[in-house]
Amino acid sequence: MTLILASRDNVYSGSPLDRAGEKREDDAWIEAALRHPQTLFVPIWRARNLIRAGEEGSKPEAVFISGEVAGELHMAGGPWSFLGLRDGVPVFAIDVSHVDDPLPLLPEDVATFVDLRNFGSAVGNEDASVLAHARGLMHWRVKHRFCGVCGAACEPKTAGHMMLCTACNVQHFPRTDPAVIMLVHRDGKALLGHSTRFPRATMYSTLAGFVEPGESLEEAVRREVLEEVGVSVGAVRYHSSQPWPFPANIMLGFYAEGLSEEITIDPVELKDARWFTGEEMRNCDAHGFQLPRADSIARRLIEDWLAAE
């Protein structure tokens, strides 16, 4: 099985931030940073990021709010977390979902809150990584206000990176769920499936699934492929990983050698699955199907496989 290396960083990876974990316990430093006018805030509104689309033909831009503007807008009422330092400047995520319409509170040239997946591959990896980091962490903050052990309210600690139960003192930390995603290939063909969850009726993508307790990544690849399409897998080779904060995953990408070709789909997971040639995937529109979105590791697995074919 040929080793295929990642051609470049995946979207949402390659963060420019120094996470500066040692600062999270320094309450005085965090308080001063929150008040400093040059501090940057990444606002999140109902799981959406603030992006300026720009004029036609121009690249979209991530929008960061300065500490001075954030203070003037009284945006500090929702959950927040310290993300790290960017060129020495503190960067925080702040959730403003409690405001029904935050746009009137923002400068006129600021665009709008949008689903990051629609723009992530266009804003540049560094900014996209910061936006994804903020989105994922704020999702956790919003969804974990109460203790999963006793049900009591939790309060944030360590600059928003830990929730402490006010009753039983259990510490809760952000959770990232690992998922394997794999391009199965055999004799110059690749196996793609159309999931029951795909929003586009003609999209075919790589197979994927969550890692189960007590399972190695290679075992997860083989199990998921066998369960979803009935194909046995031999050699498994790692390609790359991608943070995927939609809402809280880390995607672990692999190439998997198919040992058989007959497909038996799991109808709960898939509507269809097929073996595609390289020529078909390079000209997918002409063959009546679409490849996964440009910001996904699935697309990167396909592109790097085609380049190495």
C-alpha atoms as a PDB file:
ATOM      1  CA  MET A   1       0.000   0.000   0.000  1.00  0.00           C
ATOM      2  CA  THR A   2       1.553   3.306  -1.116  1.00  0.00           C
ATOM      3  CA  LEU A   3       2.101   5.898   1.597  1.00  0.00           C
ATOM      4  CA  ILE A   4       0.292   9.118   0.611  1.00  0.00           C
ATOM      5  CA  LEU A   5       1.382  12.200   2.538  1.00  0.00           C
ATOM      6  CA  ALA A   6      -0.794  15.211   3.247  1.00  0.00           C
ATOM      7  CA  SER A   7      -0.148  17.820   0.563  1.00  0.00           C
ATOM      8  CA  ARG A   8      -0.909  20.764   2.895  1.00  0.00           C
ATOM      9  CA  ASP A   9      -2.618  21.605   6.162  1.00  0.00           C
ATOM     10  CA  ASN A  10      -6.311  20.847   6.413  1.00  0.00           C
ATOM     11  CA  VAL A  11      -8.732  23.735   6.830  1.00  0.00           C
ATOM     12  CA  TYR A  12      -9.214  24.662  10.523  1.00  0.00           C
ATOM     13  CA  SER A  13      -5.719  23.361  11.373  1.00  0.00           C
ATOM     14  CA  GLY A  14      -2.464  25.316  11.582  1.00  0.00           C
ATOM     15  CA  SER A  15      -3.542  27.652  14.373  1.00  0.00           C
ATOM     16  CA  PRO A  16      -1.452  30.822  14.842  1.00  0.00           C
ATOM     17  CA  LEU A  17      -2.290  30.912  18.551  1.00  0.00           C
ATOM     18  CA  ASP A  18      -0.019  30.215  21.461  1.00  0.00           C
ATOM     19  CA  ARG A  19      -2.621  28.660  23.741  1.00  0.00           C
ATOM     20  CA  ALA A  20      -0.639  29.911  26.760  1.00  0.00           C
ATOM     21  CA  GLY A  21      -2.210  27.417  29.133  1.00  0.00           C
ATOM     22  CA  GLU A  22      -0.227  28.803  32.044  1.00  0.00           C
ATOM     23  CA  LYS A  23      -2.197  32.066  31.814  1.00  0.00           C
ATOM     24  CA  ARG A  24      -5.544  30.348  32.422  1.00  0.00           C
ATOM     25  CA  GLU A  25      -4.874  30.051  36.165  1.00  0.00           C
ATOM     26  CA  ASP A  26      -3.657  33.643  36.492  1.00  0.00           C
ATOM     27  CA  ASP A  27      -6.918  35.420  37.357  1.00  0.00           C
ATOM     28  CA  ALA A  28      -5.295  38.849  37.594  1.00  0.00           C
ATOM     29  CA  TRP A  29      -3.713  38.514  34.144  1.00  0.00           C
ATOM     30  CA  ILE A  30      -6.989  37.302  32.606  1.00  0.00           C
ATOM     31  CA  GLU A  31      -8.952  40.179  34.164  1.00  0.00           C
ATOM     32  CA  ALA A  32      -6.446  42.711  32.870  1.00  0.00           C
ATOM     33  CA  ALA A  33      -6.506  41.145  29.405  1.00  0.00           C
ATOM     34  CA  LEU A  34     -10.307  41.233  29.302  1.00  0.00           C
ATOM     35  CA  ARG A  35     -10.232  44.975  29.971  1.00  0.00           C
ATOM     36  CA  HIS A  36      -7.333  45.862  27.663  1.00  0.00           C
ATOM     37  CA  PRO A  37      -8.475  47.866  24.596  1.00  0.00           C
ATOM     38  CA  GLN A  38      -6.145  45.977  22.238  1.00  0.00           C
ATOM     39  CA  THR A  39      -7.398  42.522  23.226  1.00  0.00           C
ATOM     40  CA  LEU A  40      -9.213  40.691  20.435  1.00  0.00           C
ATOM     41  CA  PHE A  41     -12.560  38.942  20.810  1.00  0.00           C
ATOM     42  CA  VAL A  42     -14.010  36.295  18.486  1.00  0.00           C
ATOM     43  CA  PRO A  43     -17.794  36.686  18.762  1.00  0.00           C
ATOM     44  CA  ILE A  44     -20.054  33.669  18.318  1.00  0.00           C
ATOM     45  CA  TRP A  45     -23.782  34.068  17.796  1.00  0.00           C
ATOM     46  CA  ARG A  46     -25.901  30.921  17.894  1.00  0.00           C
ATOM     47  CA  ALA A  47     -23.056  28.736  16.571  1.00  0.00           C
ATOM     48  CA  ARG A  48     -22.191  31.228  13.816  1.00  0.00           C
ATOM     49  CA  ASN A  49     -19.034  33.225  13.212  1.00  0.00           C
ATOM     50  CA  LEU A  50     -18.706  36.876  12.271  1.00  0.00           C
ATOM     51  CA  ILE A  51     -17.421  37.226   8.703  1.00  0.00           C
ATOM     52  CA  ARG A  52     -17.224  40.120   6.284  1.00  0.00           C
ATOM     53  CA  ALA A  53     -18.117  38.746   2.867  1.00  0.00           C
ATOM     54  CA  GLY A  54     -16.630  41.700   1.010  1.00  0.00           C
ATOM     55  CA  GLU A  55     -17.510  42.927  -2.430  1.00  0.00           C
ATOM     56  CA  GLU A  56     -17.982  40.603  -5.365  1.00  0.00           C
ATOM     57  CA  GLY A  57     -14.717  38.903  -6.273  1.00  0.00           C
ATOM     58  CA  SER A  58     -12.983  39.686  -2.960  1.00  0.00           C
ATOM     59  CA  LYS A  59     -12.118  37.135  -0.317  1.00  0.00           C
ATOM     60  CA  PRO A  60     -14.244  36.900   2.809  1.00  0.00           C
ATOM     61  CA  GLU A  61     -12.560  38.029   6.010  1.00  0.00           C
ATOM     62  CA  ALA A  62     -12.823  36.918   9.609  1.00  0.00           C
ATOM     63  CA  VAL A  63     -13.921  39.773  11.860  1.00  0.00           C
ATOM     64  CA  PHE A  64     -12.387  40.194  15.304  1.00  0.00           C
ATOM     65  CA  ILE A  65     -13.755  42.695  17.802  1.00  0.00           C
ATOM     66  CA  SER A  66     -11.298  44.794  19.796  1.00  0.00           C
ATOM     67  CA  GLY A  67     -11.548  44.919  23.561  1.00  0.00           C
ATOM     68  CA  GLU A  68     -12.474  48.586  23.331  1.00  0.00           C
ATOM     69  CA  VAL A  69     -15.404  47.866  20.998  1.00  0.00           C
ATOM     70  CA  ALA A  70     -16.504  44.828  22.986  1.00  0.00           C
ATOM     71  CA  GLY A  71     -16.603  46.908  26.166  1.00  0.00           C
ATOM     72  CA  GLU A  72     -18.572  49.676  24.526  1.00  0.00           C
ATOM     73  CA  LEU A  73     -21.102  47.197  23.179  1.00  0.00           C
ATOM     74  CA  HIS A  74     -21.579  45.530  26.561  1.00  0.00           C
ATOM     75  CA  MET A  75     -21.068  42.160  24.946  1.00  0.00           C
ATOM     76  CA  ALA A  76     -19.569  40.548  28.039  1.00  0.00           C
ATOM     77  CA  GLY A  77     -22.823  39.092  29.363  1.00  0.00           C
ATOM     78  CA  GLY A  78     -22.470  35.653  27.756  1.00  0.00           C
ATOM     79  CA  PRO A  79     -19.983  32.808  28.150  1.00  0.00           C
ATOM     80  CA  TRP A  80     -16.367  33.516  27.226  1.00  0.00           C
ATOM     81  CA  SER A  81     -13.058  31.673  27.158  1.00  0.00           C
ATOM     82  CA  PHE A  82      -9.418  32.601  26.686  1.00  0.00           C
ATOM     83  CA  LEU A  83      -8.143  31.133  23.415  1.00  0.00           C
ATOM     84  CA  GLY A  84      -4.507  32.164  23.570  1.00  0.00           C
ATOM     85  CA  LEU A  85      -2.033  34.741  22.298  1.00  0.00           C
ATOM     86  CA  ARG A  86      -1.672  35.843  18.695  1.00  0.00           C
ATOM     87  CA  ASP A  87       1.598  37.686  18.210  1.00  0.00           C
ATOM     88  CA  GLY A  88       1.469  38.469  21.912  1.00  0.00           C
ATOM     89  CA  VAL A  89      -2.099  39.830  21.809  1.00  0.00           C
ATOM     90  CA  PRO A  90      -4.681  38.043  23.994  1.00  0.00           C
ATOM     91  CA  VAL A  91      -7.569  36.483  22.070  1.00  0.00           C
ATOM     92  CA  PHE A  92     -10.873  35.505  23.677  1.00  0.00           C
ATOM     93  CA  ALA A  93     -14.006  33.822  22.381  1.00  0.00           C
ATOM     94  CA  ILE A  94     -17.290  35.342  23.514  1.00  0.00           C
ATOM     95  CA  ASP A  95     -20.801  34.049  22.947  1.00  0.00           C
ATOM     96  CA  VAL A  96     -23.412  36.729  22.231  1.00  0.00           C
ATOM     97  CA  SER A  97     -26.357  34.419  21.604  1.00  0.00           C
ATOM     98  CA  HIS A  98     -28.326  36.127  24.372  1.00  0.00           C
ATOM     99  CA  VAL A  99     -28.725  39.137  22.047  1.00  0.00           C
ATOM    100  CA  ASP A 100     -31.590  38.575  19.610  1.00  0.00           C
ATOM    101  CA  ASP A 101     -29.937  40.652  16.878  1.00  0.00           C
ATOM    102  CA  PRO A 102     -26.328  41.670  17.558  1.00  0.00           C
ATOM    103  CA  LEU A 103     -25.694  43.292  14.174  1.00  0.00           C
ATOM    104  CA  PRO A 104     -27.132  46.732  15.058  1.00  0.00           C
ATOM    105  CA  LEU A 105     -24.633  46.854  17.933  1.00  0.00           C
ATOM    106  CA  LEU A 106     -21.666  46.360  15.611  1.00  0.00           C
ATOM    107  CA  PRO A 107     -19.851  48.823  13.331  1.00  0.00           C
ATOM    108  CA  GLU A 108     -21.598  49.266   9.986  1.00  0.00           C
ATOM    109  CA  ASP A 109     -18.794  47.705   7.948  1.00  0.00           C
ATOM    110  CA  VAL A 110     -19.054  44.450   9.861  1.00  0.00           C
ATOM    111  CA  ALA A 111     -20.858  41.875   7.746  1.00  0.00           C
ATOM    112  CA  THR A 112     -22.904  39.157   9.398  1.00  0.00           C
ATOM    113  CA  PHE A 113     -22.897  35.960  11.420  1.00  0.00           C
ATOM    114  CA  VAL A 114     -22.718  32.924   9.144  1.00  0.00           C
ATOM    115  CA  ASP A 115     -22.099  29.198   9.224  1.00  0.00           C
ATOM    116  CA  LEU A 116     -18.313  28.851   9.151  1.00  0.00           C
ATOM    117  CA  ARG A 117     -18.561  25.872   6.807  1.00  0.00           C
ATOM    118  CA  ASN A 118     -19.718  28.193   4.028  1.00  0.00           C
ATOM    119  CA  PHE A 119     -16.554  30.320   4.230  1.00  0.00           C
ATOM    120  CA  GLY A 120     -13.898  28.371   6.137  1.00  0.00           C
ATOM    121  CA  SER A 121     -11.814  27.370   3.134  1.00  0.00           C
ATOM    122  CA  ALA A 122     -11.815  30.965   1.819  1.00  0.00           C
ATOM    123  CA  VAL A 123     -10.772  33.012   4.860  1.00  0.00           C
ATOM    124  CA  GLY A 124      -7.319  31.412   5.163  1.00  0.00           C
ATOM    125  CA  ASN A 125      -6.199  28.585   7.419  1.00  0.00           C
ATOM    126  CA  GLU A 126      -4.956  30.715  10.290  1.00  0.00           C
ATOM    127  CA  ASP A 127      -8.123  32.766  10.720  1.00  0.00           C
ATOM    128  CA  ALA A 128     -10.325  29.758   9.977  1.00  0.00           C
ATOM    129  CA  SER A 129      -8.529  27.850  12.722  1.00  0.00           C
ATOM    130  CA  VAL A 130      -9.160  30.607  15.268  1.00  0.00           C
ATOM    131  CA  LEU A 131     -12.825  30.865  14.286  1.00  0.00           C
ATOM    132  CA  ALA A 132     -13.248  27.097  14.552  1.00  0.00           C
ATOM    133  CA  HIS A 133     -11.489  27.041  17.925  1.00  0.00           C
ATOM    134  CA  ALA A 134     -13.858  29.716  19.230  1.00  0.00           C
ATOM    135  CA  ARG A 135     -16.937  28.011  17.811  1.00  0.00           C
ATOM    136  CA  GLY A 136     -16.105  24.648  19.333  1.00  0.00           C
ATOM    137  CA  LEU A 137     -15.238  26.020  22.754  1.00  0.00           C
ATOM    138  CA  MET A 138     -18.341  28.210  22.939  1.00  0.00           C
ATOM    139  CA  HIS A 139     -20.503  25.235  21.960  1.00  0.00           C
ATOM    140  CA  TRP A 140     -19.119  23.397  24.965  1.00  0.00           C
ATOM    141  CA  ARG A 141     -19.622  26.378  27.286  1.00  0.00           C
ATOM    142  CA  VAL A 142     -23.253  26.856  26.213  1.00  0.00           C
ATOM    143  CA  LYS A 143     -24.113  23.144  26.407  1.00  0.00           C
ATOM    144  CA  HIS A 144     -22.437  22.343  29.735  1.00  0.00           C
ATOM    145  CA  ARG A 145     -23.921  24.794  32.207  1.00  0.00           C
ATOM    146  CA  PHE A 146     -25.077  22.004  34.537  1.00  0.00           C
ATOM    147  CA  CYS A 147     -23.299  19.078  36.128  1.00  0.00           C
ATOM    148  CA  GLY A 148     -23.770  15.735  34.414  1.00  0.00           C
ATOM    149  CA  VAL A 149     -23.300  13.956  37.754  1.00  0.00           C
ATOM    150  CA  CYS A 150     -25.749  15.722  40.086  1.00  0.00           C
ATOM    151  CA  GLY A 151     -27.515  18.275  37.877  1.00  0.00           C
ATOM    152  CA  ALA A 152     -26.436  21.356  39.830  1.00  0.00           C
ATOM    153  CA  ALA A 153     -25.231  24.544  38.164  1.00  0.00           C
ATOM    154  CA  CYS A 154     -21.581  24.797  37.141  1.00  0.00           C
ATOM    155  CA  GLU A 155     -19.329  27.834  37.206  1.00  0.00           C
ATOM    156  CA  PRO A 156     -16.451  28.462  34.792  1.00  0.00           C
ATOM    157  CA  LYS A 157     -12.851  28.185  35.947  1.00  0.00           C
ATOM    158  CA  THR A 158      -9.407  28.378  34.309  1.00  0.00           C
ATOM    159  CA  ALA A 159     -10.485  31.174  31.948  1.00  0.00           C
ATOM    160  CA  GLY A 160     -13.416  29.188  30.596  1.00  0.00           C
ATOM    161  CA  HIS A 161     -11.642  25.852  30.096  1.00  0.00           C
ATOM    162  CA  MET A 162     -13.189  24.012  33.021  1.00  0.00           C
ATOM    163  CA  MET A 163     -16.679  23.958  34.534  1.00  0.00           C
ATOM    164  CA  LEU A 164     -16.805  23.283  38.275  1.00  0.00           C
ATOM    165  CA  CYS A 165     -19.974  21.891  39.821  1.00  0.00           C
ATOM    166  CA  THR A 166     -21.177  24.185  42.602  1.00  0.00           C
ATOM    167  CA  ALA A 167     -22.637  21.246  44.532  1.00  0.00           C
ATOM    168  CA  CYS A 168     -20.469  18.135  44.159  1.00  0.00           C
ATOM    169  CA  ASN A 169     -17.261  19.869  42.978  1.00  0.00           C
ATOM    170  CA  VAL A 170     -16.805  17.613  39.955  1.00  0.00           C
ATOM    171  CA  GLN A 171     -14.617  19.203  37.284  1.00  0.00           C
ATOM    172  CA  HIS A 172     -15.854  19.098  33.694  1.00  0.00           C
ATOM    173  CA  PHE A 173     -13.533  19.725  30.739  1.00  0.00           C
ATOM    174  CA  PRO A 174     -14.158  20.362  27.036  1.00  0.00           C
ATOM    175  CA  ARG A 175     -14.808  17.172  25.138  1.00  0.00           C
ATOM    176  CA  THR A 176     -13.620  16.337  21.656  1.00  0.00           C
ATOM    177  CA  ASP A 177     -15.055  13.192  20.073  1.00  0.00           C
ATOM    178  CA  PRO A 178     -12.645  11.282  17.795  1.00  0.00           C
ATOM    179  CA  ALA A 179     -13.972  10.082  14.458  1.00  0.00           C
ATOM    180  CA  VAL A 180     -12.159   8.120  11.754  1.00  0.00           C
ATOM    181  CA  ILE A 181     -12.678   9.079   8.136  1.00  0.00           C
ATOM    182  CA  MET A 182     -11.230   6.882   5.409  1.00  0.00           C
ATOM    183  CA  LEU A 183     -10.836   6.582   1.689  1.00  0.00           C
ATOM    184  CA  VAL A 184     -11.124   2.898   0.829  1.00  0.00           C
ATOM    185  CA  HIS A 185      -9.357   2.046  -2.427  1.00  0.00           C
ATOM    186  CA  ARG A 186      -8.707  -1.057  -4.517  1.00  0.00           C
ATOM    187  CA  ASP A 187      -7.177  -1.556  -7.968  1.00  0.00           C
ATOM    188  CA  GLY A 188      -7.257   2.100  -8.958  1.00  0.00           C
ATOM    189  CA  LYS A 189     -10.790   2.734  -7.698  1.00  0.00           C
ATOM    190  CA  ALA A 190     -12.050   4.477  -4.576  1.00  0.00           C
ATOM    191  CA  LEU A 191     -15.163   3.708  -2.567  1.00  0.00           C
ATOM    192  CA  LEU A 192     -17.497   6.635  -1.845  1.00  0.00           C
ATOM    193  CA  GLY A 193     -20.904   6.648  -0.225  1.00  0.00           C
ATOM    194  CA  HIS A 194     -23.993   8.843  -0.165  1.00  0.00           C
ATOM    195  CA  SER A 195     -25.120   9.247   3.426  1.00  0.00           C
ATOM    196  CA  THR A 196     -28.733   9.536   4.512  1.00  0.00           C
ATOM    197  CA  ARG A 197     -27.643  12.767   6.268  1.00  0.00           C
ATOM    198  CA  PHE A 198     -26.088  14.538   3.267  1.00  0.00           C
ATOM    199  CA  PRO A 199     -27.811  17.819   2.361  1.00  0.00           C
ATOM    200  CA  ARG A 200     -26.959  17.442  -1.339  1.00  0.00           C
ATOM    201  CA  ALA A 201     -28.696  14.617  -3.169  1.00  0.00           C
ATOM    202  CA  THR A 202     -25.793  13.917  -5.530  1.00  0.00           C
ATOM    203  CA  MET A 203     -22.862  14.170  -3.104  1.00  0.00           C
ATOM    204  CA  TYR A 204     -20.615  11.160  -2.538  1.00  0.00           C
ATOM    205  CA  SER A 205     -17.936  11.185   0.131  1.00  0.00           C
ATOM    206  CA  THR A 206     -15.538   9.023   2.073  1.00  0.00           C
ATOM    207  CA  LEU A 207     -16.847   6.765   4.829  1.00  0.00           C
ATOM    208  CA  ALA A 208     -16.577   7.865   8.461  1.00  0.00           C
ATOM    209  CA  GLY A 209     -17.627   6.922  11.964  1.00  0.00           C
ATOM    210  CA  PHE A 210     -16.951   7.470  15.640  1.00  0.00           C
ATOM    211  CA  VAL A 211     -14.290   5.580  17.565  1.00  0.00           C
ATOM    212  CA  GLU A 212     -15.825   3.318  20.202  1.00  0.00           C
ATOM    213  CA  PRO A 213     -14.474   2.763  23.746  1.00  0.00           C
ATOM    214  CA  GLY A 214     -11.550   0.341  23.873  1.00  0.00           C
ATOM    215  CA  GLU A 215     -11.002   0.515  20.110  1.00  0.00           C
ATOM    216  CA  SER A 216      -7.841   1.446  18.232  1.00  0.00           C
ATOM    217  CA  LEU A 217      -8.106   3.819  15.287  1.00  0.00           C
ATOM    218  CA  GLU A 218      -7.249   1.051  12.822  1.00  0.00           C
ATOM    219  CA  GLU A 219      -9.893  -1.197  14.349  1.00  0.00           C
ATOM    220  CA  ALA A 220     -12.437   1.616  14.051  1.00  0.00           C
ATOM    221  CA  VAL A 221     -11.617   2.035  10.346  1.00  0.00           C
ATOM    222  CA  ARG A 222     -12.079  -1.676   9.636  1.00  0.00           C
ATOM    223  CA  ARG A 223     -15.268  -1.956  11.692  1.00  0.00           C
ATOM    224  CA  GLU A 224     -16.942   1.103  10.188  1.00  0.00           C
ATOM    225  CA  VAL A 225     -16.189   0.072   6.606  1.00  0.00           C
ATOM    226  CA  LEU A 226     -17.437  -3.460   7.189  1.00  0.00           C
ATOM    227  CA  GLU A 227     -20.598  -2.217   8.927  1.00  0.00           C
ATOM    228  CA  GLU A 228     -21.471   0.436   6.358  1.00  0.00           C
ATOM    229  CA  VAL A 229     -20.608  -1.275   3.068  1.00  0.00           C
ATOM    230  CA  GLY A 230     -19.665  -4.890   3.879  1.00  0.00           C
ATOM    231  CA  VAL A 231     -16.123  -4.492   2.506  1.00  0.00           C
ATOM    232  CA  SER A 232     -13.183  -6.041   4.353  1.00  0.00           C
ATOM    233  CA  VAL A 233     -10.135  -3.817   4.885  1.00  0.00           C
ATOM    234  CA  GLY A 234      -6.480  -4.776   5.029  1.00  0.00           C
ATOM    235  CA  ALA A 235      -3.725  -2.218   5.481  1.00  0.00           C
ATOM    236  CA  VAL A 236      -4.658   1.103   7.084  1.00  0.00           C
ATOM    237  CA  ARG A 237      -2.401   4.149   6.747  1.00  0.00           C
ATOM    238  CA  TYR A 238      -2.737   7.499   8.513  1.00  0.00           C
ATOM    239  CA  HIS A 239      -2.981  10.654   6.397  1.00  0.00           C
ATOM    240  CA  SER A 240      -3.802  13.687   8.584  1.00  0.00           C
ATOM    241  CA  SER A 241      -6.242  15.081  11.115  1.00  0.00           C
ATOM    242  CA  GLN A 242      -8.686  17.975  11.141  1.00  0.00           C
ATOM    243  CA  PRO A 243     -10.453  19.780  13.979  1.00  0.00           C
ATOM    244  CA  TRP A 244     -14.133  19.781  13.065  1.00  0.00           C
ATOM    245  CA  PRO A 245     -16.097  21.973  15.492  1.00  0.00           C
ATOM    246  CA  PHE A 246     -19.507  21.072  14.090  1.00  0.00           C
ATOM    247  CA  PRO A 247     -19.964  20.654  16.965  1.00  0.00           C
ATOM    248  CA  ALA A 248     -17.000  18.947  18.708  1.00  0.00           C
ATOM    249  CA  ASN A 249     -15.019  16.415  16.690  1.00  0.00           C
ATOM    250  CA  ILE A 250     -11.478  15.633  15.663  1.00  0.00           C
ATOM    251  CA  MET A 251     -11.449  13.893  12.280  1.00  0.00           C
ATOM    252  CA  LEU A 252      -8.629  11.351  11.872  1.00  0.00           C
ATOM    253  CA  GLY A 253      -8.019  10.661   8.197  1.00  0.00           C
ATOM    254  CA  PHE A 254      -6.830   7.339   6.770  1.00  0.00           C
ATOM    255  CA  TYR A 255      -6.394   5.404   3.549  1.00  0.00           C
ATOM    256  CA  ALA A 256      -7.700   1.854   3.765  1.00  0.00           C
ATOM    257  CA  GLU A 257      -6.925  -1.005   1.397  1.00  0.00           C
ATOM    258  CA  GLY A 258     -10.091  -2.780   0.299  1.00  0.00           C
ATOM    259  CA  LEU A 259      -9.795  -6.578   0.224  1.00  0.00           C
ATOM    260  CA  SER A 260     -13.108  -7.149  -1.511  1.00  0.00           C
ATOM    261  CA  GLU A 261     -15.313  -5.243  -3.943  1.00  0.00           C
ATOM    262  CA  GLU A 262     -18.864  -6.452  -3.363  1.00  0.00           C
ATOM    263  CA  ILE A 263     -20.897  -3.766  -1.574  1.00  0.00           C
ATOM    264  CA  THR A 264     -23.661  -4.415   0.930  1.00  0.00           C
ATOM    265  CA  ILE A 265     -24.823  -1.096   2.324  1.00  0.00           C
ATOM    266  CA  ASP A 266     -26.282  -0.398   5.727  1.00  0.00           C
ATOM    267  CA  PRO A 267     -29.520   1.404   4.732  1.00  0.00           C
ATOM    268  CA  VAL A 268     -29.649   3.237   8.047  1.00  0.00           C
ATOM    269  CA  GLU A 269     -26.318   4.940   7.286  1.00  0.00           C
ATOM    270  CA  LEU A 270     -26.170   5.050   3.496  1.00  0.00           C
ATOM    271  CA  LYS A 271     -28.488   5.465   0.550  1.00  0.00           C
ATOM    272  CA  ASP A 272     -25.838   4.321  -1.905  1.00  0.00           C
ATOM    273  CA  ALA A 273     -22.154   3.438  -2.226  1.00  0.00           C
ATOM    274  CA  ARG A 274     -20.059   2.919  -5.340  1.00  0.00           C
ATOM    275  CA  TRP A 275     -16.534   2.338  -6.568  1.00  0.00           C
ATOM    276  CA  PHE A 276     -15.338   5.328  -8.615  1.00  0.00           C
ATOM    277  CA  THR A 277     -12.365   5.568 -10.965  1.00  0.00           C
ATOM    278  CA  GLY A 278      -9.949   8.466 -10.820  1.00  0.00           C
ATOM    279  CA  GLU A 279     -11.271   9.756 -14.132  1.00  0.00           C
ATOM    280  CA  GLU A 280     -14.829   9.773 -12.793  1.00  0.00           C
ATOM    281  CA  MET A 281     -13.829  11.713  -9.690  1.00  0.00           C
ATOM    282  CA  ARG A 282     -11.817  14.256 -11.674  1.00  0.00           C
ATOM    283  CA  ASN A 283     -14.894  14.852 -13.833  1.00  0.00           C
ATOM    284  CA  CYS A 284     -17.601  14.272 -11.258  1.00  0.00           C
ATOM    285  CA  ASP A 285     -20.030  16.835 -12.714  1.00  0.00           C
ATOM    286  CA  ALA A 286     -19.980  15.092 -16.070  1.00  0.00           C
ATOM    287  CA  HIS A 287     -20.751  11.806 -14.320  1.00  0.00           C
ATOM    288  CA  GLY A 288     -23.667  13.196 -12.317  1.00  0.00           C
ATOM    289  CA  PHE A 289     -22.296  13.406  -8.786  1.00  0.00           C
ATOM    290  CA  GLN A 290     -20.520  15.861  -6.486  1.00  0.00           C
ATOM    291  CA  LEU A 291     -17.528  15.539  -4.185  1.00  0.00           C
ATOM    292  CA  PRO A 292     -17.570  16.702  -0.546  1.00  0.00           C
ATOM    293  CA  ARG A 293     -17.116  20.340   0.420  1.00  0.00           C
ATOM    294  CA  ALA A 294     -13.737  22.002  -0.104  1.00  0.00           C
ATOM    295  CA  ASP A 295     -13.073  22.613   3.606  1.00  0.00           C
ATOM    296  CA  SER A 296     -13.422  18.946   4.584  1.00  0.00           C
ATOM    297  CA  ILE A 297     -10.722  16.372   5.213  1.00  0.00           C
ATOM    298  CA  ALA A 298     -12.808  14.034   3.044  1.00  0.00           C
ATOM    299  CA  ARG A 299     -12.074  16.245   0.054  1.00  0.00           C
ATOM    300  CA  ARG A 300      -8.383  16.390   0.976  1.00  0.00           C
ATOM    301  CA  LEU A 301      -8.190  12.580   1.162  1.00  0.00           C
ATOM    302  CA  ILE A 302      -9.714  12.358  -2.309  1.00  0.00           C
ATOM    303  CA  GLU A 303      -7.502  15.055  -3.812  1.00  0.00           C
ATOM    304  CA  ASP A 304      -4.272  13.611  -2.444  1.00  0.00           C
ATOM    305  CA  TRP A 305      -5.234  10.119  -3.599  1.00  0.00           C
ATOM    306  CA  LEU A 306      -5.939  11.420  -7.092  1.00  0.00           C
ATOM    307  CA  ALA A 307      -2.609  13.273  -7.150  1.00  0.00           C
ATOM    308  CA  ALA A 308      -0.751  10.085  -6.215  1.00  0.00           C
ATOM    309  CA  GLU A 309      -2.641   7.831  -8.610  1.00  0.00           C
END
